[in-house]
Amino acid sequence: MTVAVSKIRVEDKLYQNRYVVDSGRPHIKVRPHQRPSVNLYALTSVCPAKCYELNDQGQVEITADGCMECGTCRVLCEASGEIEWNYPRGGFGVLFKFG
């Protein structure tokens, strides 16, 4: 007996969500830094929406437009002060299609 395994990519699931972007007022900000800490650098690979990336100067930047508000970045970096995280203003942020 063979079992069919379907490969579902995270990106395919994220496509189902909708986002209301609050232009010019991101709910997450990365504080200025010379070199990212281990935890801040880890966000470039553990953020499920892939909002964090390294720029040409080796610093971590965020594009919060596709943020799922899952809290991964808060767990890793909010206590150290490396990021500033707030809930989006009412009416903005992620709109989950399936709950």
Protein backbone atom coordinates (compact mmCIF):
# COMPACT_ATOMS: atom_id res chain seq x y z
CA MET A 1 0.00 0.00 0.00
CA THR A 2 1.35 3.44 -0.90
CA VAL A 3 0.46 6.63 0.85
CA ALA A 4 0.12 9.82 -1.15
CA VAL A 5 1.87 12.71 0.50
CA SER A 6 0.94 16.17 -0.63
CA LYS A 7 3.50 18.88 -0.15
CA ILE A 8 1.82 22.04 1.03
CA ARG A 9 4.01 25.11 1.17
CA VAL A 10 3.55 27.73 3.89
CA GLU A 11 3.40 30.37 1.17
CA ASP A 12 0.36 28.67 -0.37
CA LYS A 13 -1.46 28.84 2.97
CA LEU A 14 -0.38 32.45 3.66
CA TYR A 15 -1.86 33.41 0.31
CA GLN A 16 -5.31 32.67 1.73
CA ASN A 17 -4.98 35.43 4.35
CA ARG A 18 -5.70 39.08 3.68
CA TYR A 19 -3.86 42.05 5.15
CA VAL A 20 -5.00 45.59 5.74
CA VAL A 21 -1.74 47.55 5.78
CA ASP A 22 -1.49 50.65 7.94
CA SER A 23 0.84 52.57 5.61
CA GLY A 24 3.57 54.44 7.40
CA ARG A 25 2.65 53.00 10.82
CA PRO A 26 4.13 49.50 11.15
CA HIS A 27 3.23 47.67 14.36
CA ILE A 28 6.73 46.17 14.62
CA LYS A 29 10.01 48.05 14.45
CA VAL A 30 13.56 46.74 14.67
CA ARG A 31 15.67 49.02 16.83
CA PRO A 32 18.91 50.33 15.28
CA HIS A 33 21.84 47.96 15.75
CA GLN A 34 25.38 47.50 14.45
CA ARG A 35 25.26 43.70 14.43
CA PRO A 36 22.19 41.57 15.06
CA SER A 37 22.13 39.40 18.14
CA VAL A 38 21.71 35.66 17.73
CA ASN A 39 17.97 35.92 18.44
CA LEU A 40 17.42 38.84 16.09
CA TYR A 41 19.32 37.04 13.33
CA ALA A 42 17.24 33.90 14.01
CA LEU A 43 14.10 35.81 13.01
CA THR A 44 15.33 35.77 9.41
CA SER A 45 14.67 32.03 9.36
CA VAL A 46 12.03 31.34 12.05
CA CYS A 47 9.43 33.99 11.17
CA PRO A 48 6.71 31.93 9.44
CA ALA A 49 5.72 34.87 7.21
CA LYS A 50 9.37 35.63 6.33
CA CYS A 51 9.01 39.28 7.34
CA TYR A 52 12.62 39.61 8.54
CA GLU A 53 15.69 39.74 6.28
CA LEU A 54 19.28 40.92 6.28
CA ASN A 55 20.09 44.08 4.36
CA ASP A 56 23.35 44.78 2.52
CA GLN A 57 24.95 46.16 5.71
CA GLY A 58 24.25 42.94 7.64
CA GLN A 59 21.44 44.43 9.70
CA VAL A 60 18.04 42.84 10.21
CA GLU A 61 15.08 44.68 8.69
CA ILE A 62 11.37 43.97 8.80
CA THR A 63 8.60 44.33 6.29
CA ALA A 64 5.56 44.05 8.53
CA ASP A 65 3.02 44.11 5.69
CA GLY A 66 2.58 40.32 5.66
CA CYS A 67 2.90 39.75 9.41
CA MET A 68 0.62 37.05 10.85
CA GLU A 69 0.91 38.49 14.38
CA CYS A 70 1.97 35.07 15.67
CA GLY A 71 4.29 36.46 18.36
CA THR A 72 7.46 34.57 17.41
CA CYS A 73 9.46 37.80 17.26
CA ARG A 74 8.06 38.93 20.61
CA VAL A 75 9.19 35.72 22.28
CA LEU A 76 12.70 35.97 20.84
CA CYS A 77 13.45 39.69 20.95
CA GLU A 78 10.97 41.90 22.79
CA ALA A 79 12.44 41.35 26.29
CA SER A 80 15.90 42.37 25.07
CA GLY A 81 14.51 45.55 23.52
CA GLU A 82 15.69 44.69 20.01
CA ILE A 83 12.21 45.08 18.59
CA GLU A 84 9.27 47.26 19.45
CA TRP A 85 6.00 45.34 19.04
CA ASN A 86 2.49 46.74 19.34
CA TYR A 87 -0.85 45.43 18.23
CA PRO A 88 -1.97 46.97 14.93
CA ARG A 89 -4.54 49.73 15.16
CA GLY A 90 -8.16 48.62 14.97
CA GLY A 91 -9.18 47.58 11.47
CA PHE A 92 -5.60 46.89 10.36
CA GLY A 93 -3.44 43.77 10.30
CA VAL A 94 -4.05 40.20 9.24
CA LEU A 95 -7.49 38.85 8.34
CA PHE A 96 -7.45 35.06 8.58
CA LYS A 97 -9.65 33.41 5.98
CA PHE A 98 -10.17 30.19 7.93
CA GLY A 99 -10.43 31.50 11.49
